[in-house]
Protein backbone atom coordinates (compact mmCIF):
# COMPACT_ATOMS: atom_id res chain seq x y z
CA UNK A 1 -69.61 -64.24 -42.63
CA UNK A 2 -69.91 -63.63 -38.91
CA UNK A 3 -72.83 -61.57 -37.66
CA UNK A 4 -71.65 -58.12 -36.65
CA UNK A 5 -74.75 -56.42 -35.30
CA UNK A 6 -73.93 -57.40 -31.74
CA UNK A 7 -70.21 -56.68 -32.13
CA UNK A 8 -70.78 -52.98 -32.83
CA UNK A 9 -72.09 -52.03 -29.37
CA UNK A 10 -69.62 -54.45 -27.79
CA UNK A 11 -66.73 -52.81 -29.62
CA UNK A 12 -67.91 -49.38 -28.45
CA UNK A 13 -67.95 -50.55 -24.85
CA UNK A 14 -64.55 -52.24 -25.05
CA UNK A 15 -63.05 -49.12 -26.61
CA UNK A 16 -64.50 -46.84 -23.95
CA UNK A 17 -63.79 -49.03 -20.91
CA UNK A 18 -60.88 -51.15 -22.05
CA UNK A 19 -62.80 -54.35 -21.03
CA UNK A 20 -63.22 -55.22 -17.33
CA UNK A 21 -64.69 -58.26 -15.41
CA UNK A 22 -66.20 -58.82 -12.06
CA UNK A 23 -63.60 -61.06 -10.47
CA UNK A 24 -62.89 -61.30 -6.74
CA UNK A 25 -59.58 -59.97 -5.45
CA UNK A 26 -57.09 -62.72 -4.68
CA UNK A 27 -56.15 -62.79 -1.03
CA UNK A 28 -52.80 -64.57 -1.52
CA UNK A 29 -49.68 -62.67 -2.50
CA UNK A 30 -49.33 -62.04 -6.23
CA UNK A 31 -46.12 -61.72 -8.22
CA UNK A 32 -47.08 -59.35 -11.05
CA UNK A 33 -43.73 -59.78 -12.82
CA UNK A 34 -44.04 -63.57 -13.29
CA UNK A 35 -45.54 -65.19 -16.40
CA UNK A 36 -49.12 -66.31 -15.77
CA UNK A 37 -49.72 -69.93 -14.86
CA UNK A 38 -51.34 -72.36 -17.27
CA UNK A 39 -55.12 -71.92 -17.40
CA UNK A 40 -57.84 -74.45 -18.16
CA UNK A 41 -60.80 -73.16 -20.16
CA UNK A 42 -63.38 -74.47 -22.62
CA UNK A 43 -64.10 -70.96 -23.90
CA UNK A 44 -62.70 -69.26 -26.96
CA UNK A 45 -61.82 -66.15 -24.96
CA UNK A 46 -62.17 -64.57 -21.52
CA UNK A 47 -60.90 -61.10 -20.57
CA UNK A 48 -60.92 -58.57 -17.80
CA UNK A 49 -59.47 -55.21 -16.80
CA UNK A 50 -59.98 -53.68 -13.37
CA UNK A 51 -61.44 -50.36 -14.48
CA UNK A 52 -61.83 -49.02 -10.96
CA UNK A 53 -58.15 -49.69 -10.26
CA UNK A 54 -57.18 -47.81 -13.40
CA UNK A 55 -59.58 -44.95 -12.74
CA UNK A 56 -58.36 -44.52 -9.16
CA UNK A 57 -54.68 -44.84 -10.10
CA UNK A 58 -52.05 -42.11 -10.23
CA UNK A 59 -51.59 -42.30 -14.01
CA UNK A 60 -55.25 -41.78 -14.87
CA UNK A 61 -55.54 -38.96 -12.33
CA UNK A 62 -52.55 -37.20 -13.91
CA UNK A 63 -53.97 -37.62 -17.40
CA UNK A 64 -57.37 -36.23 -16.45
CA UNK A 65 -55.86 -33.33 -14.52
CA UNK A 66 -53.60 -32.43 -17.44
CA UNK A 67 -56.49 -32.70 -19.90
CA UNK A 68 -58.60 -30.40 -17.74
CA UNK A 69 -55.77 -27.85 -17.53
CA UNK A 70 -55.67 -27.63 -21.33
CA UNK A 71 -59.28 -26.50 -21.33
CA UNK A 72 -60.52 -29.97 -22.21
CA UNK A 73 -62.98 -30.36 -19.32
CA UNK A 74 -65.93 -29.63 -21.61
CA UNK A 75 -64.64 -32.08 -24.21
CA UNK A 76 -64.12 -34.73 -21.54
CA UNK A 77 -67.71 -34.26 -20.38
CA UNK A 78 -68.95 -34.45 -23.97
CA UNK A 79 -67.16 -37.78 -24.44
CA UNK A 80 -68.77 -39.14 -21.28
CA UNK A 81 -72.19 -37.85 -22.37
CA UNK A 82 -71.76 -39.41 -25.81
CA UNK A 83 -70.79 -42.72 -24.26
CA UNK A 84 -73.73 -42.53 -21.87
CA UNK A 85 -76.12 -41.89 -24.76
CA UNK A 86 -75.01 -45.19 -26.32
CA UNK A 87 -74.75 -47.34 -23.19
CA UNK A 88 -76.94 -45.68 -20.57
CA UNK A 89 -74.04 -45.01 -18.19
CA UNK A 90 -70.81 -43.03 -18.08
CA UNK A 91 -67.38 -44.73 -18.14
CA UNK A 92 -66.77 -43.41 -14.62
CA UNK A 93 -69.86 -45.31 -13.43
CA UNK A 94 -68.33 -48.69 -14.29
CA UNK A 95 -66.34 -50.72 -11.76
CA UNK A 96 -66.03 -54.01 -13.62
CA UNK A 97 -66.88 -55.78 -16.89
CA UNK A 98 -66.58 -59.47 -17.76
CA UNK A 99 -66.33 -60.57 -21.38
CA UNK A 100 -66.62 -64.26 -22.20
CA UNK A 101 -66.73 -65.67 -25.75
CA UNK A 102 -68.02 -69.19 -25.30
CA UNK A 103 -67.83 -70.24 -28.95
CA UNK A 104 -67.26 -68.93 -32.48
CA UNK A 105 -68.83 -70.56 -35.52
CA UNK A 106 -68.79 -69.61 -39.18
CA UNK A 107 -72.58 -69.68 -39.33
CA UNK A 108 -73.52 -67.90 -36.10
CA UNK A 109 -70.38 -65.91 -35.29
CA UNK A 110 -69.32 -65.33 -31.67
CA UNK A 111 -71.48 -66.54 -28.78
CA UNK A 112 -70.70 -64.25 -25.88
CA UNK A 113 -71.65 -62.82 -22.53
CA UNK A 114 -70.85 -59.31 -21.36
CA UNK A 115 -71.26 -58.43 -17.66
CA UNK A 116 -71.07 -54.80 -16.57
CA UNK A 117 -70.93 -53.95 -12.87
CA UNK A 118 -71.46 -50.28 -11.97
CA UNK A 119 -71.14 -48.19 -8.84
CA UNK A 120 -74.56 -46.66 -9.43
CA UNK A 121 -77.94 -47.88 -10.62
CA UNK A 122 -78.04 -48.57 -14.37
CA UNK A 123 -81.17 -47.27 -16.15
CA UNK A 124 -83.18 -50.08 -17.71
CA UNK A 125 -84.50 -47.88 -20.49
CA UNK A 126 -81.93 -46.73 -23.02
CA UNK A 127 -78.98 -48.75 -21.67
CA UNK A 128 -76.88 -50.47 -24.30
CA UNK A 129 -79.36 -50.34 -27.13
CA UNK A 130 -82.53 -51.02 -25.15
CA UNK A 131 -85.23 -48.87 -26.68
CA UNK A 132 -86.94 -46.51 -24.26
CA UNK A 133 -90.32 -47.73 -23.17
CA UNK A 134 -89.43 -51.37 -23.87
CA UNK A 135 -90.85 -53.86 -21.38
CA UNK A 136 -88.93 -57.01 -20.36
CA UNK A 137 -90.29 -60.47 -21.19
CA UNK A 138 -91.34 -63.05 -18.60
CA UNK A 139 -87.70 -63.92 -17.82
CA UNK A 140 -86.68 -60.27 -17.44
CA UNK A 141 -84.84 -59.96 -20.78
CA UNK A 142 -84.84 -56.88 -23.00
CA UNK A 143 -84.22 -57.15 -26.75
CA UNK A 144 -80.99 -55.42 -27.82
CA UNK A 145 -80.75 -56.72 -31.40
CA UNK A 146 -81.97 -59.63 -33.51
CA UNK A 147 -79.33 -61.87 -31.88
CA UNK A 148 -78.75 -60.35 -28.43
CA UNK A 149 -80.65 -59.66 -25.22
CA UNK A 150 -79.99 -57.69 -22.04
CA UNK A 151 -80.76 -58.62 -18.44
CA UNK A 152 -80.43 -56.89 -15.06
CA UNK A 153 -79.66 -59.42 -12.29
CA UNK A 154 -79.59 -56.43 -9.91
CA UNK A 155 -79.80 -52.63 -10.13
CA UNK A 156 -76.04 -52.15 -10.60
CA UNK A 157 -75.34 -55.03 -12.99
CA UNK A 158 -76.11 -55.29 -16.70
CA UNK A 159 -75.63 -58.46 -18.72
CA UNK A 160 -75.76 -58.52 -22.52
CA UNK A 161 -75.58 -61.94 -24.16
CA UNK A 162 -76.22 -63.89 -27.33
CA UNK A 163 -79.83 -65.07 -27.23
CA UNK A 164 -78.92 -68.76 -27.53
CA UNK A 165 -77.11 -68.57 -24.15
CA UNK A 166 -80.18 -67.48 -22.16
CA UNK A 167 -80.81 -70.78 -20.32
CA UNK A 168 -77.20 -71.29 -19.23
CA UNK A 169 -77.13 -67.75 -17.93
CA UNK A 170 -80.41 -68.03 -16.02
CA UNK A 171 -79.16 -71.25 -14.38
CA UNK A 172 -75.78 -69.66 -13.69
CA UNK A 173 -74.84 -66.01 -13.14
CA UNK A 174 -78.46 -64.85 -12.79
CA UNK A 175 -78.79 -67.07 -9.71
CA UNK A 176 -75.22 -67.05 -8.42
CA UNK A 177 -72.80 -64.19 -9.19
CA UNK A 178 -69.98 -66.76 -9.30
CA UNK A 179 -71.93 -69.03 -11.65
CA UNK A 180 -71.68 -69.62 -15.41
CA UNK A 181 -70.01 -68.16 -17.47
CA UNK A 182 -67.52 -67.54 -14.64
CA UNK A 183 -65.48 -70.62 -13.74
CA UNK A 184 -63.31 -71.16 -10.62
CA UNK A 185 -60.15 -71.57 -12.74
CA UNK A 186 -60.63 -68.39 -14.76
CA UNK A 187 -61.74 -66.35 -11.75
CA UNK A 188 -58.72 -67.49 -9.76
CA UNK A 189 -56.34 -66.73 -12.65
CA UNK A 190 -57.82 -63.28 -13.22
CA UNK A 191 -58.05 -62.22 -9.58
CA UNK A 192 -55.70 -59.45 -8.50
CA UNK A 193 -54.58 -58.40 -11.98
CA UNK A 194 -55.34 -55.07 -13.59
CA UNK A 195 -55.64 -56.84 -16.92
CA UNK A 196 -56.28 -60.50 -17.67
CA UNK A 197 -57.01 -62.20 -20.99
CA UNK A 198 -57.07 -65.85 -22.05
CA UNK A 199 -57.63 -67.02 -25.62
CA UNK A 200 -57.91 -70.63 -26.83
CA UNK A 201 -56.47 -70.28 -30.34
CA UNK A 202 -57.20 -73.92 -31.17
CA UNK A 203 -60.92 -73.12 -30.80
CA UNK A 204 -60.88 -70.35 -33.40
CA UNK A 205 -62.20 -71.17 -36.89
CA UNK A 206 -59.40 -72.09 -39.29
CA UNK A 207 -60.47 -69.33 -41.70
CA UNK A 208 -59.39 -66.77 -39.12
CA UNK A 209 -55.94 -68.34 -38.63
CA UNK A 210 -55.07 -69.50 -42.14
CA UNK A 211 -55.64 -66.38 -44.21
CA UNK A 212 -52.90 -65.11 -46.53
CA UNK A 213 -52.27 -62.10 -44.31
CA UNK A 214 -51.52 -64.45 -41.40
CA UNK A 215 -48.49 -66.06 -43.07
CA UNK A 216 -45.90 -63.95 -41.24
CA UNK A 217 -47.29 -64.83 -37.83
CA UNK A 218 -48.09 -68.49 -38.49
CA UNK A 219 -45.56 -69.74 -35.87
CA UNK A 220 -47.33 -67.61 -33.24
CA UNK A 221 -50.81 -68.75 -34.31
CA UNK A 222 -49.71 -72.34 -33.80
CA UNK A 223 -50.18 -71.78 -30.06
CA UNK A 224 -52.96 -73.74 -28.45
CA UNK A 225 -53.71 -70.96 -25.99
CA UNK A 226 -52.40 -67.54 -24.94
CA UNK A 227 -52.72 -65.97 -21.50
CA UNK A 228 -51.82 -62.33 -20.81
CA UNK A 229 -51.77 -60.36 -17.56
CA UNK A 230 -51.16 -56.69 -16.99
CA UNK A 231 -50.56 -54.96 -13.69
CA UNK A 232 -50.58 -51.22 -13.21
CA UNK A 233 -48.97 -49.72 -10.13
CA UNK A 234 -48.58 -45.98 -9.88
CA UNK A 235 -47.14 -45.12 -13.33
CA UNK A 236 -45.62 -48.50 -14.20
CA UNK A 237 -47.25 -51.28 -16.24
CA UNK A 238 -45.93 -54.86 -16.18
CA UNK A 239 -47.14 -57.15 -18.97
CA UNK A 240 -46.63 -60.90 -18.84
CA UNK A 241 -47.73 -63.65 -21.19
CA UNK A 242 -47.70 -67.40 -21.67
CA UNK A 243 -48.36 -69.18 -24.97
CA UNK A 244 -48.84 -72.95 -24.86
CA UNK A 245 -47.68 -75.00 -27.88
CA UNK A 246 -47.91 -78.65 -28.88
CA UNK A 247 -44.21 -79.28 -28.25
CA UNK A 248 -40.87 -77.60 -27.57
CA UNK A 249 -40.03 -77.39 -31.29
CA UNK A 250 -43.14 -75.30 -32.05
CA UNK A 251 -42.41 -73.17 -28.99
CA UNK A 252 -38.87 -72.53 -30.24
CA UNK A 253 -40.12 -71.40 -33.64
CA UNK A 254 -42.59 -69.05 -31.98
CA UNK A 255 -39.84 -67.58 -29.79
CA UNK A 256 -37.66 -66.95 -32.85
CA UNK A 257 -40.54 -65.20 -34.62
CA UNK A 258 -41.27 -63.12 -31.50
CA UNK A 259 -37.63 -62.03 -31.25
CA UNK A 260 -37.72 -61.14 -34.94
CA UNK A 261 -40.70 -58.84 -34.40
CA UNK A 262 -39.08 -57.23 -31.35
CA UNK A 263 -35.90 -56.54 -33.37
CA UNK A 264 -37.90 -55.04 -36.22
CA UNK A 265 -39.67 -52.76 -33.74
CA UNK A 266 -36.47 -51.63 -31.98
CA UNK A 267 -34.72 -51.06 -35.33
CA UNK A 268 -37.59 -48.87 -36.50
CA UNK A 269 -37.54 -46.88 -33.28
CA UNK A 270 -33.77 -46.44 -33.61
CA UNK A 271 -34.19 -45.14 -37.17
CA UNK A 272 -36.91 -42.79 -36.01
CA UNK A 273 -34.80 -41.41 -33.16
CA UNK A 274 -31.94 -40.71 -35.57
CA UNK A 275 -34.22 -38.99 -38.04
CA UNK A 276 -34.00 -35.23 -38.31
CA UNK A 277 -36.86 -33.63 -36.48
CA UNK A 278 -37.30 -36.38 -33.87
CA UNK A 279 -36.45 -33.85 -31.17
CA UNK A 280 -39.55 -31.91 -32.19
CA UNK A 281 -41.60 -34.54 -30.40
CA UNK A 282 -40.81 -32.71 -27.18
CA UNK A 283 -42.14 -34.60 -24.15
CA UNK A 284 -43.34 -37.44 -26.39
CA UNK A 285 -39.72 -38.29 -27.08
CA UNK A 286 -39.36 -39.70 -23.56
CA UNK A 287 -42.34 -42.00 -24.17
CA UNK A 288 -40.79 -43.30 -27.40
CA UNK A 289 -37.43 -43.91 -25.72
CA UNK A 290 -39.14 -45.80 -22.89
CA UNK A 291 -40.90 -47.99 -25.45
CA UNK A 292 -37.51 -48.74 -26.98
CA UNK A 293 -36.09 -49.66 -23.57
CA UNK A 294 -39.09 -51.81 -22.70
CA UNK A 295 -38.83 -53.79 -25.94
CA UNK A 296 -35.09 -54.29 -25.62
CA UNK A 297 -35.42 -55.45 -22.00
CA UNK A 298 -38.37 -57.80 -22.62
CA UNK A 299 -37.69 -61.38 -21.47
CA UNK A 300 -38.83 -63.89 -24.09
CA UNK A 301 -38.08 -67.47 -23.10
CA UNK A 302 -39.02 -71.08 -23.83
CA UNK A 303 -40.21 -73.14 -20.87
CA UNK A 304 -40.89 -76.70 -21.98
CA UNK A 305 -43.57 -76.41 -24.65
CA UNK A 306 -44.53 -72.87 -23.56
CA UNK A 307 -43.20 -69.46 -24.54
CA UNK A 308 -43.23 -66.83 -21.79
CA UNK A 309 -42.84 -63.07 -22.03
CA UNK A 310 -42.34 -60.42 -19.35
CA UNK A 311 -41.99 -56.71 -20.15
CA UNK A 312 -42.49 -53.50 -18.24
CA UNK A 313 -43.19 -49.92 -19.26
CA UNK A 314 -42.45 -47.11 -16.80
CA UNK A 315 -44.30 -43.90 -17.49
CA UNK A 316 -42.23 -41.99 -14.94
CA UNK A 317 -41.80 -39.05 -17.32
CA UNK A 318 -44.01 -35.98 -17.43
CA UNK A 319 -47.12 -37.74 -18.68
CA UNK A 320 -49.23 -34.67 -18.01
CA UNK A 321 -47.22 -32.60 -20.48
CA UNK A 322 -47.57 -35.35 -23.07
CA UNK A 323 -51.34 -35.25 -22.67
CA UNK A 324 -51.34 -31.46 -22.95
CA UNK A 325 -49.28 -31.56 -26.16
CA UNK A 326 -51.28 -34.49 -27.48
CA UNK A 327 -54.56 -32.70 -26.82
CA UNK A 328 -53.30 -29.64 -28.70
CA UNK A 329 -52.25 -31.74 -31.68
CA UNK A 330 -55.55 -33.63 -31.74
CA UNK A 331 -57.51 -30.39 -31.64
CA UNK A 332 -55.40 -28.85 -34.38
CA UNK A 333 -55.73 -31.97 -36.54
CA UNK A 334 -59.51 -31.90 -36.06
CA UNK A 335 -59.61 -28.18 -36.89
CA UNK A 336 -57.50 -28.71 -40.01
CA UNK A 337 -59.81 -31.50 -41.09
CA UNK A 338 -62.85 -29.28 -40.59
CA UNK A 339 -61.33 -26.44 -42.63
CA UNK A 340 -60.34 -28.95 -45.30
CA UNK A 341 -63.89 -30.28 -45.50
CA UNK A 342 -65.29 -26.73 -45.65
CA UNK A 343 -62.93 -25.88 -48.50
CA UNK A 344 -63.92 -29.03 -50.39
CA UNK A 345 -67.58 -28.01 -50.14
CA UNK A 346 -66.68 -24.50 -51.32
CA UNK A 347 -64.77 -26.01 -54.25
CA UNK A 348 -67.79 -28.10 -55.20
CA UNK A 349 -70.01 -25.01 -54.93
CA UNK A 350 -67.68 -23.00 -57.20
CA UNK A 351 -67.79 -25.74 -59.83
CA UNK A 352 -71.57 -26.06 -59.57
CA UNK A 353 -71.90 -22.29 -59.94
CA UNK A 354 -69.65 -22.44 -63.01
CA UNK A 355 -71.65 -25.31 -64.53
CA UNK A 356 -74.91 -23.42 -64.02
CA UNK A 357 -73.76 -19.96 -65.13
CA UNK A 358 -70.69 -20.54 -67.36
CA UNK A 359 -68.66 -18.11 -65.23
CA UNK A 360 -67.18 -17.89 -61.72
CA UNK A 361 -67.89 -15.07 -59.25
CA UNK A 362 -64.26 -14.09 -58.76
CA UNK A 363 -64.02 -11.59 -55.89
CA UNK A 364 -67.70 -10.70 -56.09
CA UNK A 365 -70.77 -9.93 -58.16
CA UNK A 366 -72.40 -6.83 -59.58
CA UNK A 367 -75.98 -5.56 -59.32
CA UNK A 368 -78.52 -8.36 -58.90
CA UNK A 369 -75.75 -10.95 -58.69
CA UNK A 370 -74.54 -10.37 -62.25
CA UNK A 371 -71.10 -10.98 -63.73
CA UNK A 372 -68.57 -8.14 -63.72
CA UNK A 373 -67.78 -7.26 -67.33
CA UNK A 374 -65.77 -4.02 -67.11
CA UNK A 375 -62.71 -3.00 -65.18
CA UNK A 376 -64.73 -0.15 -63.75
CA UNK A 377 -67.51 -2.48 -62.51
CA UNK A 378 -67.66 -2.44 -58.74
CA UNK A 379 -68.68 -5.63 -56.95
CA UNK A 380 -71.49 -5.17 -54.46
CA UNK A 381 -71.38 -8.49 -52.64
CA UNK A 382 -68.62 -11.05 -52.18
CA UNK A 383 -68.23 -14.38 -53.97
CA UNK A 384 -69.10 -16.00 -50.64
CA UNK A 385 -72.61 -14.52 -50.88
CA UNK A 386 -72.92 -15.63 -54.51
CA UNK A 387 -72.26 -19.26 -53.47
CA UNK A 388 -75.03 -19.37 -50.85
CA UNK A 389 -77.55 -21.21 -53.08
CA UNK A 390 -74.88 -23.82 -53.80
CA UNK A 391 -74.08 -24.56 -50.13
CA UNK A 392 -77.69 -25.14 -49.08
CA UNK A 393 -78.15 -21.55 -47.89
CA UNK A 394 -80.76 -20.44 -50.41
CA UNK A 395 -83.05 -19.01 -47.70
CA UNK A 396 -80.25 -16.74 -46.46
CA UNK A 397 -79.38 -15.71 -50.03
CA UNK A 398 -82.96 -14.55 -50.60
CA UNK A 399 -82.67 -12.15 -47.65
CA UNK A 400 -79.99 -10.10 -49.44
CA UNK A 401 -80.88 -7.13 -51.61
CA UNK A 402 -78.66 -7.99 -54.55
CA UNK A 403 -78.90 -4.51 -56.05
CA UNK A 404 -77.42 -2.98 -52.89
CA UNK A 405 -73.81 -3.07 -51.56
CA UNK A 406 -72.73 -5.30 -48.68
CA UNK A 407 -72.97 -2.41 -46.18
CA UNK A 408 -76.46 -1.21 -47.08
CA UNK A 409 -78.94 -0.95 -44.25
CA UNK A 410 -80.54 -4.28 -45.17
CA UNK A 411 -77.41 -6.24 -46.04
CA UNK A 412 -75.46 -5.15 -42.96
CA UNK A 413 -78.00 -6.97 -40.80
CA UNK A 414 -77.01 -10.25 -42.47
CA UNK A 415 -73.30 -10.08 -41.59
CA UNK A 416 -73.91 -11.81 -38.27
CA UNK A 417 -75.66 -14.69 -40.08
CA UNK A 418 -72.44 -15.98 -41.63
CA UNK A 419 -72.74 -19.75 -42.40
CA UNK A 420 -70.45 -22.04 -40.40
CA UNK A 421 -68.70 -23.12 -43.58
CA UNK A 422 -66.92 -19.72 -43.66
CA UNK A 423 -66.28 -19.43 -39.92
CA UNK A 424 -62.78 -19.75 -38.41
CA UNK A 425 -62.42 -22.98 -36.42
CA UNK A 426 -59.01 -22.63 -34.77
CA UNK A 427 -59.06 -19.00 -33.69
CA UNK A 428 -62.63 -17.72 -33.45
CA UNK A 429 -62.72 -13.98 -34.09
CA UNK A 430 -65.32 -11.29 -34.54
CA UNK A 431 -68.79 -12.46 -35.61
CA UNK A 432 -69.17 -12.28 -39.38
CA UNK A 433 -65.43 -12.37 -40.14
CA UNK A 434 -63.76 -15.09 -42.21
CA UNK A 435 -60.24 -16.13 -43.19
CA UNK A 436 -61.38 -17.97 -46.33
CA UNK A 437 -60.51 -15.69 -49.23
CA UNK A 438 -59.48 -15.62 -52.86
CA UNK A 439 -56.22 -14.03 -54.02
CA UNK A 440 -57.01 -11.04 -56.24
CA UNK A 441 -54.72 -8.85 -58.31
CA UNK A 442 -53.04 -8.26 -61.69
CA UNK A 443 -50.71 -11.24 -61.13
CA UNK A 444 -53.46 -13.33 -59.48
CA UNK A 445 -57.12 -14.02 -60.26
CA UNK A 446 -58.98 -11.02 -61.65
CA UNK A 447 -62.71 -10.37 -61.49
CA UNK A 448 -62.89 -10.31 -65.29
CA UNK A 449 -61.09 -13.65 -65.73
CA UNK A 450 -64.19 -15.51 -64.72
CA UNK A 451 -64.09 -18.94 -66.41
CA UNK A 452 -62.11 -22.09 -65.72
CA UNK A 453 -60.82 -21.93 -69.29
CA UNK A 454 -58.93 -18.76 -68.37
CA UNK A 455 -56.80 -20.74 -65.90
CA UNK A 456 -54.25 -21.90 -68.45
CA UNK A 457 -51.67 -22.93 -65.83
CA UNK A 458 -54.04 -25.76 -64.92
CA UNK A 459 -56.74 -25.91 -62.28
CA UNK A 460 -54.60 -28.25 -60.14
CA UNK A 461 -51.76 -25.70 -60.14
CA UNK A 462 -53.73 -22.57 -59.24
CA UNK A 463 -55.00 -21.41 -55.86
CA UNK A 464 -58.74 -20.78 -55.61
CA UNK A 465 -59.43 -20.08 -51.91
CA UNK A 466 -56.90 -19.81 -49.12
CA UNK A 467 -56.76 -19.52 -45.35
CA UNK A 468 -55.65 -15.88 -45.13
CA UNK A 469 -53.75 -14.24 -42.29
CA UNK A 470 -56.17 -11.35 -41.81
CA UNK A 471 -59.94 -11.99 -41.57
CA UNK A 472 -62.46 -9.96 -43.53
CA UNK A 473 -66.25 -9.44 -43.38
CA UNK A 474 -67.69 -12.38 -45.28
CA UNK A 475 -70.26 -10.40 -47.27
CA UNK A 476 -67.80 -7.69 -48.33
CA UNK A 477 -65.94 -8.08 -51.65
CA UNK A 478 -62.67 -8.30 -49.75
CA UNK A 479 -59.93 -10.90 -50.22
CA UNK A 480 -56.15 -11.21 -50.21
CA UNK A 481 -55.53 -8.16 -52.36
CA UNK A 482 -52.33 -7.91 -54.41
CA UNK A 483 -52.99 -4.64 -56.31
CA UNK A 484 -49.46 -4.09 -57.60
CA UNK A 485 -48.05 -5.51 -60.82
CA UNK A 486 -45.30 -7.23 -58.84
CA UNK A 487 -45.64 -9.58 -55.88
CA UNK A 488 -44.94 -8.03 -52.47
CA UNK A 489 -41.82 -9.07 -50.57
CA UNK A 490 -43.89 -10.15 -47.57
CA UNK A 491 -46.13 -12.42 -49.66
CA UNK A 492 -46.02 -15.37 -47.23
CA UNK A 493 -47.25 -13.20 -44.37
CA UNK A 494 -50.60 -12.82 -46.10
CA UNK A 495 -51.42 -16.50 -45.58
CA UNK A 496 -51.87 -18.81 -42.61
CA UNK A 497 -54.37 -17.20 -40.28
CA UNK A 498 -55.40 -20.29 -38.31
CA UNK A 499 -52.61 -22.86 -38.18
CA UNK A 500 -48.93 -22.87 -37.38
CA UNK A 501 -46.56 -24.02 -40.06
CA UNK A 502 -48.64 -23.15 -43.09
CA UNK A 503 -52.13 -22.74 -44.46
CA UNK A 504 -54.97 -24.73 -45.99
CA UNK A 505 -55.67 -24.04 -49.66
CA UNK A 506 -58.35 -24.97 -52.17
CA UNK A 507 -57.23 -25.37 -55.77
CA UNK A 508 -59.43 -24.79 -58.79
CA UNK A 509 -59.63 -28.53 -59.51
CA UNK A 510 -61.41 -28.95 -56.16
CA UNK A 511 -58.49 -30.48 -54.27
CA UNK A 512 -57.42 -29.21 -50.85
CA UNK A 513 -53.80 -29.20 -49.67
CA UNK A 514 -51.86 -27.87 -46.71
CA UNK A 515 -49.17 -25.47 -47.93
CA UNK A 516 -46.21 -25.43 -45.54
CA UNK A 517 -44.68 -22.05 -44.77
CA UNK A 518 -41.36 -23.48 -45.94
CA UNK A 519 -42.64 -23.36 -49.52
CA UNK A 520 -40.27 -21.65 -51.92
CA UNK A 521 -41.38 -18.06 -52.68
CA UNK A 522 -41.09 -18.69 -56.39
CA UNK A 523 -43.35 -21.72 -56.17
CA UNK A 524 -45.93 -19.83 -54.12
CA UNK A 525 -46.05 -17.09 -56.76
CA UNK A 526 -46.52 -19.70 -59.47
CA UNK A 527 -49.48 -21.19 -57.59
CA UNK A 528 -51.12 -17.77 -57.40
CA UNK A 529 -50.86 -16.90 -61.09
CA UNK A 530 -53.60 -18.51 -63.24
CA UNK A 531 -51.82 -17.96 -66.55
CA UNK A 532 -48.15 -17.37 -65.75
CA UNK A 533 -46.83 -20.37 -67.67
CA UNK A 534 -44.46 -21.36 -64.83
CA UNK A 535 -43.20 -24.90 -64.27
CA UNK A 536 -44.16 -25.86 -60.72
CA UNK A 537 -41.91 -28.24 -58.83
CA UNK A 538 -42.55 -30.08 -55.58
CA UNK A 539 -43.63 -28.20 -52.47
């Protein structure tokens, strides 16, 4: 097994920065649409992306501006702060990063060097896993992990490397910024490109290339090396690649497999575009269509024993609108996930309450938190209050006077202390108000039907807590009330207070599902009744 402790911080950095090296700009003219030339390298892998070029480009500026317009400035800053807390610097501080994997062995894993060049001084305490207060050793190295060290050749450069590579580094890059692990051939090949990557596949351990899951791409893995360049200009990205094989026959097989994958991708896109509802993608539809065009127009050719590829993607559509819509969808997905998690915790609390007391506080509880036993019994506090000891809110529960109603002088003061588990996440409202409610009524759950045994329709077929349309005070015995003996005609309007297209619902078995507003009215009624005997179909 390869050691992963060093790969975790490296992966974080590559994800945040997209990998960038410190390579000099090439003075000669560069044809970004041509396949890269053959490269000589003894390393397993070398990669770079010109982060500054990306950051200063039109596409990134449009994305950031659009994100800010959606109210995401605070979120953007939080992402940068989070990244800085892990690495010691913000993504916007970085101008270049070099990643060089010199070797990979089954025993020791990857041997690598990571060079980060910033436009501002990098703090030596706290950067990239260096513990605050740590002092460097005699050679200026800081311990990052049990296999990796960090070094600062100057105030704006950070190098993280596998410990076994210390001497080569000190004799190379530490003395000369063009020294080892940089080589003239790799630096020349990378210069001038937004993205450059070179991988020597014949230097990878066989266990990585010969696994069962690699069978479909075996002709591609037969390459001795692969070189990829990417060049971003304005809102257009040109990708080019060269894969070197042992002979023309192997190259031909790889080309055939590559064309097969391209056809599979274009066929899937075509099916997607024909699918009903594809138009709902809005501005994203243009991005999908451009991907289809780019794949179809890609030039995949055999040149001697090499396979070359050139493809371009033109983001000349309204990328800002895509970011705006994407940001909205991401936020809604995150909000839905949070509500789902809250409901799951509420479901667990309801079951724990039932296991401890042999009854469930449907709608609310009577004096001193007791079970309601008569139709005339009036609940004083809501079921949400009764669950407090089961959601790690015992201290708050003890502040309530259980023999007094929710609006007594003492209990009213606690409304504003509503736990976050009950709080709306998508549309924050008045303090102390919640959308998470039970459905109460003659045809629904009743305060006197207070055991799981009473739910004869099955706990997986009966709603327990829903995201209601109208919020209520969390301490008040107030829920989605259906007082009549028949369901109201506007039943669906009582649900879905936070999300478009439906509502989140907890079932009595503890599961949480999103109920679409296209659900059949008859099915919705069946989910509400605990003992209606209905047969529930799909929804």
